[in-house]
N, C-alpha and C. Protein backbone atom coordinates (compact mmCIF):
# COMPACT_ATOMS: atom_id res chain seq x y z
N MET A 1 1.08 -0.86 -0.06
CA MET A 1 0.14 0.03 0.09
C MET A 1 0.90 1.12 0.16
N THR A 2 0.62 2.07 -0.85
CA THR A 2 0.98 3.65 -1.40
C THR A 2 1.41 4.21 0.53
N LYS A 3 3.03 4.59 0.68
CA LYS A 3 2.91 5.38 2.21
C LYS A 3 1.51 6.76 2.24
N LEU A 4 1.01 7.04 3.48
CA LEU A 4 0.25 8.41 3.27
C LEU A 4 1.04 9.53 3.24
N THR A 5 0.68 10.34 3.25
CA THR A 5 1.63 12.26 2.76
C THR A 5 0.49 12.84 3.24
N LEU A 6 0.65 13.20 4.38
CA LEU A 6 -0.06 14.74 4.93
C LEU A 6 1.12 16.09 5.31
N ILE A 7 -0.13 17.09 4.61
CA ILE A 7 0.39 18.27 4.50
C ILE A 7 -0.03 19.12 5.48
N ILE A 8 0.35 19.65 6.15
CA ILE A 8 -0.12 20.52 7.42
C ILE A 8 0.75 22.25 6.81
N GLY A 9 0.14 23.05 8.18
CA GLY A 9 0.36 24.12 8.30
C GLY A 9 1.19 24.23 9.09
N ASN A 10 1.68 25.53 9.99
CA ASN A 10 2.67 25.87 10.98
C ASN A 10 1.91 24.89 12.00
N LYS A 11 2.96 24.20 12.62
CA LYS A 11 2.37 23.39 14.00
C LYS A 11 2.11 24.49 15.13
N ASN A 12 2.62 25.63 14.95
CA ASN A 12 2.54 26.73 16.22
C ASN A 12 0.92 27.37 16.14
N TYR A 13 0.05 27.36 14.58
CA TYR A 13 -0.87 28.04 14.84
C TYR A 13 -2.14 27.00 13.96
N SER A 14 -1.67 25.92 13.54
CA SER A 14 -2.79 25.43 12.66
C SER A 14 -3.36 24.48 13.53
N SER A 15 -4.29 24.42 13.77
CA SER A 15 -5.25 23.79 15.03
C SER A 15 -5.47 22.60 13.83
N TRP A 16 -6.06 23.14 12.86
CA TRP A 16 -6.79 21.55 11.90
C TRP A 16 -5.69 21.11 11.66
N SER A 17 -4.25 20.92 11.44
CA SER A 17 -3.83 20.48 11.02
C SER A 17 -3.14 19.39 12.49
N LEU A 18 -2.95 19.51 13.60
CA LEU A 18 -2.93 19.06 14.50
C LEU A 18 -3.83 18.17 14.87
N ARG A 19 -5.15 17.69 14.20
CA ARG A 19 -6.06 16.78 14.57
C ARG A 19 -5.55 15.56 13.80
N PRO A 20 -5.53 15.56 12.22
CA PRO A 20 -5.32 14.37 11.84
C PRO A 20 -3.58 13.97 12.07
N TRP A 21 -3.09 15.11 12.55
CA TRP A 21 -1.72 14.87 12.30
C TRP A 21 -1.56 13.85 14.20
N LEU A 22 -2.05 14.26 14.90
CA LEU A 22 -2.04 13.66 16.24
C LEU A 22 -2.85 12.54 16.27
N PHE A 23 -3.92 12.38 15.74
CA PHE A 23 -4.95 10.63 15.14
C PHE A 23 -3.71 9.80 14.57
N MET A 24 -2.87 9.89 13.74
CA MET A 24 -1.96 9.22 12.91
C MET A 24 -0.79 9.00 13.53
N LYS A 25 -0.44 9.56 14.61
CA LYS A 25 0.91 9.60 15.36
C LYS A 25 0.59 8.76 16.47
N GLN A 26 -1.18 8.52 17.02
CA GLN A 26 -1.24 8.43 18.22
C GLN A 26 -1.50 6.43 17.92
N PHE A 27 -1.80 6.86 16.51
CA PHE A 27 -1.76 5.13 16.29
C PHE A 27 -1.06 4.32 15.49
N GLY A 28 0.03 5.08 15.51
CA GLY A 28 1.56 4.45 14.80
C GLY A 28 1.26 4.47 13.29
N LEU A 29 0.92 5.00 12.84
CA LEU A 29 0.77 5.04 11.15
C LEU A 29 2.23 5.81 10.69
N ASP A 30 2.57 5.35 9.38
CA ASP A 30 3.75 5.71 8.69
C ASP A 30 3.67 6.70 8.03
N PHE A 31 3.90 8.04 7.97
CA PHE A 31 3.06 8.92 7.01
C PHE A 31 4.53 9.88 6.63
N ASP A 32 4.42 10.48 5.53
CA ASP A 32 5.30 11.66 5.07
C ASP A 32 4.62 12.87 5.33
N GLU A 33 5.51 13.70 6.15
CA GLU A 33 4.95 15.12 6.76
C GLU A 33 5.41 16.06 5.51
N VAL A 34 4.82 16.60 4.96
CA VAL A 34 5.14 18.29 4.51
C VAL A 34 4.25 19.37 4.87
N ARG A 35 5.51 20.44 5.46
CA ARG A 35 4.95 21.66 6.01
C ARG A 35 4.89 22.75 5.15
N ILE A 36 3.77 23.16 5.14
CA ILE A 36 3.51 24.23 4.18
C ILE A 36 3.26 25.67 5.36
N PRO A 37 4.38 26.30 5.27
CA PRO A 37 3.55 27.65 6.90
C PRO A 37 2.87 28.73 5.90
N LEU A 38 1.50 28.82 6.61
CA LEU A 38 0.65 29.82 6.00
C LEU A 38 0.55 31.10 6.27
N TYR A 39 -0.38 32.02 5.32
CA TYR A 39 -0.41 33.10 5.24
C TYR A 39 0.95 33.84 5.07
N MET A 40 1.09 32.64 3.85
CA MET A 40 2.91 33.63 3.32
C MET A 40 2.52 33.92 1.91
N PRO A 41 3.08 34.27 0.90
CA PRO A 41 2.87 34.92 -0.30
C PRO A 41 2.33 34.24 -1.05
N GLU A 42 3.41 32.48 -0.94
CA GLU A 42 3.22 31.83 -1.69
C GLU A 42 2.49 30.22 -1.38
N SER A 43 2.00 30.78 -0.06
CA SER A 43 1.18 29.42 0.61
C SER A 43 -0.03 29.00 -0.22
N LYS A 44 -0.55 29.84 -0.53
CA LYS A 44 -2.06 29.66 -1.26
C LYS A 44 -1.56 28.81 -2.86
N GLN A 45 -0.80 28.63 -3.13
CA GLN A 45 -0.09 28.14 -4.27
C GLN A 45 0.44 26.87 -3.59
N GLN A 46 1.41 26.78 -2.95
CA GLN A 46 1.59 25.59 -2.65
C GLN A 46 0.97 24.41 -2.37
N ILE A 47 -0.15 24.94 -1.66
CA ILE A 47 -1.26 24.67 -0.40
C ILE A 47 -2.43 23.86 -2.27
N LYS A 48 -2.18 24.34 -3.04
CA LYS A 48 -3.45 24.20 -4.10
C LYS A 48 -2.88 23.21 -5.00
N GLN A 49 -1.47 22.50 -5.14
CA GLN A 49 -0.57 21.75 -5.40
C GLN A 49 -1.15 20.21 -5.04
N TYR A 50 -1.47 20.79 -3.92
CA TYR A 50 -2.35 19.63 -2.80
C TYR A 50 -3.59 19.07 -3.50
N SER A 51 -4.60 20.32 -2.34
CA SER A 51 -5.87 20.57 -1.62
C SER A 51 -6.66 21.44 -3.02
N PRO A 52 -7.90 20.52 -3.10
CA PRO A 52 -8.23 21.44 -4.41
C PRO A 52 -9.33 22.22 -3.07
N SER A 53 -9.16 22.57 -1.96
CA SER A 53 -10.28 23.32 -1.38
C SER A 53 -9.06 24.63 -0.85
N GLY A 54 -7.59 24.38 -1.29
CA GLY A 54 -6.54 25.32 -1.19
C GLY A 54 -6.19 25.60 0.90
N LYS A 55 -6.56 24.50 1.25
CA LYS A 55 -6.45 24.49 2.84
C LYS A 55 -5.63 23.65 3.02
N VAL A 56 -5.38 23.52 4.31
CA VAL A 56 -4.73 22.31 5.11
C VAL A 56 -5.79 21.91 6.42
N PRO A 57 -5.61 20.88 6.41
CA PRO A 57 -4.66 19.57 5.74
C PRO A 57 -5.37 18.93 5.12
N VAL A 58 -3.75 18.09 4.26
CA VAL A 58 -4.68 17.53 3.12
C VAL A 58 -3.78 16.02 3.45
N LEU A 59 -4.57 14.66 3.16
CA LEU A 59 -4.04 13.38 3.19
C LEU A 59 -4.08 13.11 1.57
N LEU A 60 -2.96 12.51 1.46
CA LEU A 60 -2.55 11.77 -0.08
C LEU A 60 -2.46 10.22 0.67
N HIS A 61 -3.60 9.64 -0.26
CA HIS A 61 -3.63 8.30 -0.12
C HIS A 61 -3.46 7.34 -1.46
N ASP A 62 -2.60 6.50 -1.89
CA ASP A 62 -2.91 6.17 -3.50
C ASP A 62 -3.05 7.31 -4.15
N ASP A 63 -4.22 6.94 -5.18
CA ASP A 63 -4.98 8.32 -6.14
C ASP A 63 -5.25 8.82 -5.00
N ILE A 64 -5.92 8.81 -3.84
CA ILE A 64 -7.06 9.85 -3.56
C ILE A 64 -6.18 10.95 -2.44
N THR A 65 -7.08 11.69 -2.44
CA THR A 65 -7.03 12.56 -1.72
C THR A 65 -8.25 13.30 -1.11
N ILE A 66 -7.96 13.65 0.28
CA ILE A 66 -8.60 13.47 1.27
C ILE A 66 -8.37 15.38 1.87
N TRP A 67 -9.34 16.18 2.10
CA TRP A 67 -8.81 17.66 2.56
C TRP A 67 -9.83 18.05 3.39
N ASP A 68 -10.04 17.02 4.70
CA ASP A 68 -10.71 17.67 5.83
C ASP A 68 -10.53 16.99 6.98
N SER A 69 -10.19 17.63 8.04
CA SER A 69 -9.24 16.89 9.06
C SER A 69 -9.92 15.83 9.70
N LEU A 70 -11.69 16.05 10.33
CA LEU A 70 -12.61 14.88 10.04
C LEU A 70 -12.48 13.51 9.26
N ALA A 71 -12.98 14.18 8.05
CA ALA A 71 -12.69 13.07 6.97
C ALA A 71 -11.63 12.30 6.92
N ILE A 72 -10.28 12.65 7.10
CA ILE A 72 -8.93 11.85 7.05
C ILE A 72 -9.20 11.45 8.34
N CYS A 73 -9.46 11.13 9.53
CA CYS A 73 -9.79 10.94 11.10
C CYS A 73 -10.32 9.38 9.93
N GLU A 74 -11.67 10.18 9.80
CA GLU A 74 -12.57 8.69 9.64
C GLU A 74 -12.53 8.14 8.17
N TYR A 75 -11.62 8.51 7.20
CA TYR A 75 -10.51 7.82 6.12
C TYR A 75 -10.05 6.39 6.63
N LEU A 76 -9.15 6.90 7.81
CA LEU A 76 -8.43 6.13 8.55
C LEU A 76 -8.08 5.13 9.40
N THR A 77 -9.31 5.26 9.73
CA THR A 77 -10.28 4.72 10.44
C THR A 77 -10.96 3.68 9.68
N GLU A 78 -11.61 3.54 8.85
CA GLU A 78 -11.58 2.95 7.67
C GLU A 78 -10.78 2.18 7.02
N GLN A 79 -9.60 2.02 6.92
CA GLN A 79 -7.98 2.17 6.52
C GLN A 79 -7.88 1.09 6.51
N PHE A 80 -7.32 1.40 8.18
CA PHE A 80 -6.65 0.47 9.13
C PHE A 80 -7.19 0.22 9.96
N PRO A 81 -7.69 -1.12 10.47
CA PRO A 81 -8.67 -1.72 11.46
C PRO A 81 -8.30 -1.40 12.82
N HIS A 82 -6.80 -1.04 13.13
CA HIS A 82 -6.23 -0.80 14.41
C HIS A 82 -6.63 1.12 14.74
N CYS A 83 -6.87 1.57 13.99
CA CYS A 83 -7.19 2.89 14.81
C CYS A 83 -8.89 2.88 15.06
N TYR A 84 -8.47 3.22 16.52
CA TYR A 84 -9.72 3.08 17.26
C TYR A 84 -10.87 4.75 16.89
N GLY A 85 -11.19 4.83 16.10
CA GLY A 85 -11.87 6.04 15.75
C GLY A 85 -13.00 6.29 16.72
N LEU A 86 -14.24 5.41 16.66
CA LEU A 86 -15.20 5.70 17.58
C LEU A 86 -15.55 4.88 18.76
N PRO A 87 -15.57 5.23 19.67
CA PRO A 87 -16.07 3.98 20.70
C PRO A 87 -17.08 2.74 20.43
N GLU A 88 -17.25 2.10 21.33
CA GLU A 88 -18.19 0.71 20.89
C GLU A 88 -19.98 1.34 22.30
N GLY A 89 -20.66 0.27 21.39
CA GLY A 89 -21.78 1.08 21.52
C GLY A 89 -22.48 2.14 20.59
N ASN A 90 -23.19 1.84 20.43
CA ASN A 90 -24.75 2.88 19.61
C ASN A 90 -24.66 4.33 20.52
N ARG A 91 -24.87 4.14 21.61
CA ARG A 91 -25.29 5.62 22.32
C ARG A 91 -24.07 6.63 22.07
N ALA A 92 -22.83 5.81 22.80
CA ALA A 92 -21.31 6.38 22.62
C ALA A 92 -20.59 6.89 21.45
N ARG A 93 -21.56 5.77 20.41
CA ARG A 93 -20.58 6.28 18.90
C ARG A 93 -21.73 7.48 18.24
N ALA A 94 -22.27 7.56 18.58
CA ALA A 94 -23.53 8.75 18.24
C ALA A 94 -22.67 9.53 19.30
N ILE A 95 -22.87 9.68 20.19
CA ILE A 95 -21.92 11.38 20.87
C ILE A 95 -21.12 11.41 20.12
N ALA A 96 -19.99 10.05 20.25
CA ALA A 96 -18.41 10.84 19.78
C ALA A 96 -19.41 11.51 17.97
N ARG A 97 -19.67 10.86 17.40
CA ARG A 97 -20.15 11.61 16.33
C ARG A 97 -20.74 13.05 16.16
N CYS A 98 -21.60 13.47 17.20
CA CYS A 98 -22.33 14.52 16.90
C CYS A 98 -20.67 15.64 18.00
N ILE A 99 -20.72 15.30 18.83
CA ILE A 99 -19.35 16.42 19.38
C ILE A 99 -18.31 16.62 18.38
N SER A 100 -17.92 15.57 17.49
CA SER A 100 -16.66 16.00 16.58
C SER A 100 -17.35 16.94 15.63
N ALA A 101 -18.60 16.33 15.23
CA ALA A 101 -19.06 17.44 14.19
C ALA A 101 -19.38 18.90 14.74
N GLU A 102 -19.32 18.93 16.27
CA GLU A 102 -19.95 19.84 16.92
C GLU A 102 -18.71 21.28 16.81
N MET A 103 -17.79 20.34 17.03
CA MET A 103 -16.10 20.69 17.07
C MET A 103 -15.80 21.21 15.84
N HIS A 104 -16.08 20.56 14.74
CA HIS A 104 -15.66 20.89 13.36
C HIS A 104 -16.26 22.31 12.88
N SER A 105 -17.53 22.40 13.43
CA SER A 105 -18.36 23.66 12.59
C SER A 105 -18.38 24.69 14.08
N GLY A 106 -18.19 24.30 14.85
CA GLY A 106 -18.82 25.65 15.82
C GLY A 106 -17.73 26.16 16.84
N PHE A 107 -18.17 26.81 17.79
CA PHE A 107 -17.60 27.28 18.50
C PHE A 107 -16.79 28.32 18.13
N LEU A 108 -17.47 29.07 17.16
CA LEU A 108 -16.57 30.62 16.48
C LEU A 108 -16.17 31.46 17.54
N SER A 109 -16.40 31.95 18.26
CA SER A 109 -15.79 33.33 19.29
C SER A 109 -14.69 32.50 19.92
N LEU A 110 -14.93 31.18 20.22
CA LEU A 110 -13.08 30.58 20.79
C LEU A 110 -12.04 30.35 19.63
N ARG A 111 -12.48 30.58 18.08
CA ARG A 111 -11.77 30.51 17.36
C ARG A 111 -11.27 31.58 17.27
N GLN A 112 -12.07 32.55 16.97
CA GLN A 112 -11.39 33.68 16.28
C GLN A 112 -11.07 34.76 17.17
N ASN A 113 -11.22 34.64 19.12
CA ASN A 113 -10.86 34.93 19.70
C ASN A 113 -9.26 34.62 20.54
N MET A 114 -9.46 33.31 20.36
CA MET A 114 -8.62 32.70 21.57
C MET A 114 -7.85 31.53 19.93
N PRO A 115 -7.37 31.99 18.64
CA PRO A 115 -6.86 31.18 18.25
C PRO A 115 -5.24 30.37 18.31
N MET A 116 -4.86 29.16 18.21
CA MET A 116 -4.28 28.80 18.81
C MET A 116 -3.09 28.86 18.19
N ASN A 117 -2.05 28.76 19.75
CA ASN A 117 -0.51 29.97 19.57
C ASN A 117 0.06 28.81 20.49
N CYS A 118 0.84 27.96 20.42
CA CYS A 118 1.44 27.26 21.30
C CYS A 118 2.29 27.89 22.11
N ARG A 119 3.20 28.50 21.34
CA ARG A 119 4.55 29.13 21.67
C ARG A 119 4.40 30.35 23.05
N ALA A 120 2.79 30.73 22.38
CA ALA A 120 2.75 32.12 23.40
C ALA A 120 1.98 31.75 25.03
N LYS A 121 2.31 32.61 25.79
CA LYS A 121 1.30 32.90 27.08
C LYS A 121 0.56 34.03 27.02
N LEU A 122 -0.77 34.24 26.82
CA LEU A 122 -1.57 35.34 27.05
C LEU A 122 -2.56 35.27 27.85
N PRO A 123 -2.56 34.65 29.03
CA PRO A 123 -3.75 34.77 30.40
C PRO A 123 -4.79 36.08 29.76
N GLY A 124 -5.99 35.54 29.94
CA GLY A 124 -6.96 36.28 29.74
C GLY A 124 -7.60 37.09 28.48
N LYS A 125 -6.61 36.60 27.71
CA LYS A 125 -6.83 37.70 26.24
C LYS A 125 -8.04 36.85 26.05
N GLY A 126 -8.15 37.90 24.87
CA GLY A 126 -9.63 37.23 23.94
C GLY A 126 -10.66 36.94 24.56
N MET A 127 -10.88 37.27 26.25
CA MET A 127 -12.60 36.91 26.93
C MET A 127 -13.28 37.67 26.87
N THR A 128 -14.20 37.29 26.01
CA THR A 128 -15.98 37.94 25.87
C THR A 128 -16.79 36.57 26.14
N SER A 129 -18.33 37.68 26.44
CA SER A 129 -18.99 36.57 27.08
C SER A 129 -19.85 35.64 25.80
N GLU A 130 -19.09 35.57 24.90
CA GLU A 130 -19.56 34.48 23.57
C GLU A 130 -18.30 33.98 23.75
N VAL A 131 -17.27 33.90 24.24
CA VAL A 131 -16.36 32.91 24.56
C VAL A 131 -16.31 32.22 25.61
N GLN A 132 -16.94 32.54 26.33
CA GLN A 132 -17.22 32.00 27.62
C GLN A 132 -18.46 31.06 27.65
N GLN A 133 -19.07 31.15 27.10
CA GLN A 133 -20.35 30.64 26.29
C GLN A 133 -19.74 29.27 26.09
N ASP A 134 -18.46 29.42 24.97
CA ASP A 134 -18.29 28.31 24.08
C ASP A 134 -17.20 27.35 25.04
N ILE A 135 -16.58 28.38 25.97
CA ILE A 135 -15.97 27.23 26.90
C ILE A 135 -16.88 26.35 27.49
N ASN A 136 -17.90 26.63 28.06
CA ASN A 136 -19.26 26.27 28.99
C ASN A 136 -19.38 25.06 28.11
N ARG A 137 -19.88 25.47 27.04
CA ARG A 137 -20.36 24.52 26.17
C ARG A 137 -19.24 23.86 26.18
N ILE A 138 -17.88 23.38 25.71
CA ILE A 138 -17.14 22.61 25.27
C ILE A 138 -16.41 21.70 26.80
N THR A 139 -16.83 22.28 28.14
CA THR A 139 -16.60 21.68 29.61
C THR A 139 -17.60 20.70 29.67
N ASP A 140 -19.08 21.64 29.32
CA ASP A 140 -19.86 20.63 29.54
C ASP A 140 -19.55 19.03 29.15
N ILE A 141 -19.49 19.28 27.46
CA ILE A 141 -18.61 17.94 26.99
C ILE A 141 -18.02 17.37 27.38
N TRP A 142 -17.09 17.37 27.61
CA TRP A 142 -15.56 16.69 28.22
C TRP A 142 -16.27 16.18 29.67
N ARG A 143 -17.07 16.74 30.14
CA ARG A 143 -17.48 16.17 31.54
C ARG A 143 -18.52 15.09 31.56
N SER A 144 -19.62 15.39 30.50
CA SER A 144 -21.00 14.62 30.33
C SER A 144 -20.18 13.10 29.57
N CYS A 145 -19.37 13.45 28.75
CA CYS A 145 -18.35 11.97 28.14
C CYS A 145 -17.62 11.63 29.18
N ARG A 146 -16.82 12.21 29.71
CA ARG A 146 -15.98 11.56 30.99
C ARG A 146 -16.65 10.87 32.01
N ASP A 147 -17.76 11.12 32.31
CA ASP A 147 -18.56 10.73 33.70
C ASP A 147 -19.57 9.30 32.79
N LEU A 148 -20.14 9.54 31.48
CA LEU A 148 -20.72 8.52 30.85
C LEU A 148 -20.46 7.15 30.57
N PHE A 149 -19.08 7.71 29.66
CA PHE A 149 -18.38 6.78 29.21
C PHE A 149 -16.63 6.60 29.22
N GLY A 150 -16.12 7.51 30.35
CA GLY A 150 -14.64 7.44 30.21
C GLY A 150 -13.80 6.46 31.32
N SER A 151 -14.74 5.60 31.94
CA SER A 151 -14.01 4.56 32.77
C SER A 151 -12.76 3.72 32.21
N GLY A 152 -12.58 3.77 31.33
CA GLY A 152 -12.09 2.98 30.70
C GLY A 152 -10.26 3.65 30.09
N GLY A 153 -10.47 4.69 30.57
CA GLY A 153 -8.85 5.15 30.35
C GLY A 153 -9.70 6.69 30.69
N ASP A 154 -8.12 7.58 30.46
CA ASP A 154 -8.21 9.14 30.66
C ASP A 154 -8.99 10.10 29.47
N MET A 155 -9.38 9.19 28.03
CA MET A 155 -10.15 10.41 27.15
C MET A 155 -11.34 10.45 27.44
N LEU A 156 -11.96 11.10 26.66
CA LEU A 156 -13.54 11.17 26.72
C LEU A 156 -14.27 9.93 26.79
N PHE A 157 -13.61 8.55 25.74
CA PHE A 157 -14.77 7.44 25.59
C PHE A 157 -13.66 6.48 26.28
N GLY A 158 -12.63 6.92 27.36
CA GLY A 158 -12.12 6.22 27.67
C GLY A 158 -10.60 6.26 26.82
N LYS A 159 -11.10 5.62 25.85
CA LYS A 159 -9.49 5.14 24.92
C LYS A 159 -9.58 6.22 23.85
N PHE A 160 -8.52 6.90 23.50
CA PHE A 160 -8.07 7.75 22.65
C PHE A 160 -8.89 7.58 20.85
N ALA A 161 -9.96 8.78 21.10
CA ALA A 161 -10.18 8.33 19.42
C ALA A 161 -10.26 9.49 18.86
N ILE A 162 -11.50 9.71 17.21
CA ILE A 162 -11.52 11.20 16.93
C ILE A 162 -11.66 12.01 17.38
N ALA A 163 -12.60 11.61 18.45
CA ALA A 163 -13.10 12.98 19.45
C ALA A 163 -12.20 13.71 20.47
N ASP A 164 -11.32 12.89 20.63
CA ASP A 164 -10.43 13.57 21.01
C ASP A 164 -9.16 14.12 20.34
N ALA A 165 -8.69 13.71 19.45
CA ALA A 165 -8.10 14.59 17.92
C ALA A 165 -8.31 16.02 17.97
N MET A 166 -10.34 15.93 17.90
CA MET A 166 -10.98 16.85 17.22
C MET A 166 -10.76 17.87 18.72
N PHE A 167 -10.74 17.53 19.86
CA PHE A 167 -10.63 18.91 20.92
C PHE A 167 -9.21 19.03 21.77
N ALA A 168 -7.84 18.18 21.10
CA ALA A 168 -7.02 18.23 21.74
C ALA A 168 -6.51 19.53 21.09
N PRO A 169 -6.58 20.35 20.03
CA PRO A 169 -6.22 22.16 19.82
C PRO A 169 -7.16 22.60 21.00
N VAL A 170 -8.09 22.71 21.40
CA VAL A 170 -8.95 23.20 22.24
C VAL A 170 -8.10 23.20 23.82
N VAL A 171 -7.58 22.21 23.94
CA VAL A 171 -6.43 21.89 25.12
C VAL A 171 -5.73 22.87 25.18
N LEU A 172 -4.61 23.07 23.80
CA LEU A 172 -3.51 23.77 23.83
C LEU A 172 -4.13 25.44 24.11
N ARG A 173 -5.24 25.90 22.88
CA ARG A 173 -5.67 26.81 23.45
C ARG A 173 -5.88 26.88 24.78
N PHE A 174 -6.87 26.37 25.73
CA PHE A 174 -6.76 26.87 27.07
C PHE A 174 -5.43 27.09 27.96
N ILE A 175 -4.43 26.42 27.42
CA ILE A 175 -3.18 26.32 28.20
C ILE A 175 -2.83 28.00 28.01
N THR A 176 -2.38 28.42 26.34
CA THR A 176 -2.35 29.69 26.05
C THR A 176 -3.20 30.66 27.16
N TYR A 177 -4.45 30.20 26.78
CA TYR A 177 -4.95 31.63 27.26
C TYR A 177 -5.19 31.46 29.01
N ASN A 178 -4.63 30.83 29.62
CA ASN A 178 -4.89 30.09 31.12
C ASN A 178 -6.25 30.49 31.70
N VAL A 179 -7.20 29.63 30.76
CA VAL A 179 -8.54 29.42 31.13
C VAL A 179 -8.81 28.32 32.10
N THR A 180 -9.34 28.81 33.41
CA THR A 180 -9.14 27.80 34.49
C THR A 180 -10.51 27.17 34.12
N LEU A 181 -10.12 25.66 34.34
CA LEU A 181 -10.91 24.56 34.65
C LEU A 181 -11.77 23.52 36.07
N ASP A 182 -12.85 23.29 35.75
CA ASP A 182 -12.72 22.04 36.92
C ASP A 182 -12.00 21.09 36.85
N SER A 183 -11.72 20.17 38.36
CA SER A 183 -11.11 19.27 38.31
C SER A 183 -11.41 18.15 36.95
N VAL A 184 -12.61 18.06 36.62
CA VAL A 184 -12.46 16.95 35.99
C VAL A 184 -12.11 17.25 34.78
N CYS A 185 -12.23 18.28 33.98
CA CYS A 185 -11.62 18.85 32.79
C CYS A 185 -10.49 19.17 32.93
N GLN A 186 -9.87 19.64 34.06
CA GLN A 186 -8.39 19.72 33.78
C GLN A 186 -7.70 18.50 33.76
N ASP A 187 -8.23 17.39 34.62
CA ASP A 187 -7.72 15.92 34.30
C ASP A 187 -7.36 15.51 32.77
N TYR A 188 -8.64 15.87 31.82
CA TYR A 188 -8.80 15.49 30.48
C TYR A 188 -7.87 16.02 29.69
N ALA A 189 -7.72 17.41 30.26
CA ALA A 189 -6.63 18.38 29.63
C ALA A 189 -5.07 18.01 29.75
N ASN A 190 -4.81 17.62 31.23
CA ASN A 190 -3.53 16.89 31.13
C ASN A 190 -3.34 15.57 30.81
N ALA A 191 -4.25 15.01 30.15
CA ALA A 191 -3.83 13.50 29.74
C ALA A 191 -3.35 13.92 28.28
N ILE A 192 -4.66 14.43 27.64
CA ILE A 192 -3.80 15.21 26.16
C ILE A 192 -2.52 15.74 26.25
N LEU A 193 -2.45 16.67 27.40
CA LEU A 193 -0.85 17.15 27.19
C LEU A 193 0.05 16.37 27.54
N ALA A 194 -0.21 15.22 28.29
CA ALA A 194 0.66 14.20 28.27
C ALA A 194 1.00 13.46 26.94
N LEU A 195 0.15 12.89 26.13
CA LEU A 195 0.83 12.37 24.80
C LEU A 195 1.74 12.48 24.40
N PRO A 196 2.47 11.36 23.97
CA PRO A 196 4.07 11.88 22.88
C PRO A 196 4.14 12.94 22.38
N ALA A 197 3.19 12.23 21.51
CA ALA A 197 2.74 13.09 20.52
C ALA A 197 2.27 14.41 20.21
N ILE A 198 1.33 14.91 21.34
CA ILE A 198 1.64 16.51 21.79
C ILE A 198 2.63 16.93 21.98
N LYS A 199 3.35 16.54 23.25
CA LYS A 199 4.88 16.79 23.61
C LYS A 199 5.59 17.02 22.09
N GLU A 200 5.71 16.22 21.35
CA GLU A 200 6.34 16.09 19.75
C GLU A 200 5.96 17.65 19.10
N TRP A 201 4.57 17.85 18.61
CA TRP A 201 4.35 19.16 18.41
C TRP A 201 4.67 19.89 19.15
N ILE A 202 4.51 20.25 20.34
CA ILE A 202 4.76 21.75 20.75
C ILE A 202 5.98 21.70 20.63
N LYS A 203 7.20 20.77 20.77
CA LYS A 203 8.55 20.97 20.62
C LYS A 203 8.96 21.81 19.26
N ALA A 204 7.69 21.00 18.09
CA ALA A 204 8.15 21.56 16.75
C ALA A 204 7.81 23.02 16.82
N ALA A 205 6.93 23.18 17.22
CA ALA A 205 5.95 24.46 17.03
C ALA A 205 6.64 25.46 17.84
N GLU A 206 7.71 25.54 18.90
CA GLU A 206 8.07 26.33 19.66
C GLU A 206 9.86 26.50 18.56
N THR A 207 10.30 25.61 17.78
CA THR A 207 11.21 26.12 16.96
C THR A 207 11.02 26.49 15.92
N GLU A 208 9.64 26.93 15.23
CA GLU A 208 9.12 27.06 13.93
C GLU A 208 9.47 28.81 14.31
N ALA A 209 10.20 29.35 12.79
CA ALA A 209 10.38 30.69 12.72
C ALA A 209 9.60 32.16 12.49
N GLU A 210 8.35 30.90 11.79
CA GLU A 210 7.60 32.08 11.19
C GLU A 210 6.83 32.63 12.35
N ILE A 211 6.16 33.66 12.11
CA ILE A 211 5.13 34.72 12.97
C ILE A 211 3.89 34.98 12.39
N ILE A 212 2.75 35.10 12.82
CA ILE A 212 1.64 35.68 12.24
C ILE A 212 0.97 36.18 12.81
N PRO A 213 1.07 37.92 12.70
CA PRO A 213 0.87 38.59 13.40
C PRO A 213 -0.56 38.20 14.20
N SER A 214 -1.67 38.30 12.92
CA SER A 214 -3.20 38.32 13.67
C SER A 214 -3.74 36.76 14.71
N PHE A 215 -2.73 36.16 14.80
CA PHE A 215 -2.29 34.99 16.03
C PHE A 215 -1.77 35.50 17.30
N GLU A 216 -0.89 36.47 17.05
CA GLU A 216 0.11 36.88 18.27
C GLU A 216 -0.98 38.04 19.32
N HIS A 217 -1.98 38.20 19.07
CA HIS A 217 -2.61 39.11 19.50
C HIS A 217 -2.78 39.15 21.38
């Protein structure tokens, strides 16, 4: 089978790139990584070589191109049986799909006001009432999943799954902006931060030279 290639943006800033990258790392998939710095004069043209949408991440596999984070994780779950994409049980699977899709399409205030920036420490920056509402909803999700389905491990559904990959960038945002969490949510955040792949990502992000001013407010 042809080797997988994942095209990503800056590790310091690209939350969407982190999601499939983390998923692939967690399950030991062998893949080539192509990093294209974002918001540079040549960025769009370089990304267009791989992605019909002109955005990252993009997964290349044989003659198949997948250009969406959630779709990449779902595709990998189908192609590689050892990838634990969804939890067992109809209820858990349904909720996992719902919260992954909610993360995929929602929480716009959080995204806009607290962009991912692994290198920065910006306590309190970007906090608005709308951002707090997003944070409240996210922490409600985390507490509910941990309570209902988390007995088998430290992740939302016990074992690491797609939902954890979807929420991992939020954990990094919460660290950057010093968001106060209750004990259940802090334990979950700590479990994400303890993953070797997350440590690898953060270490690489800290060495990147590019600075995107709009993410540095």
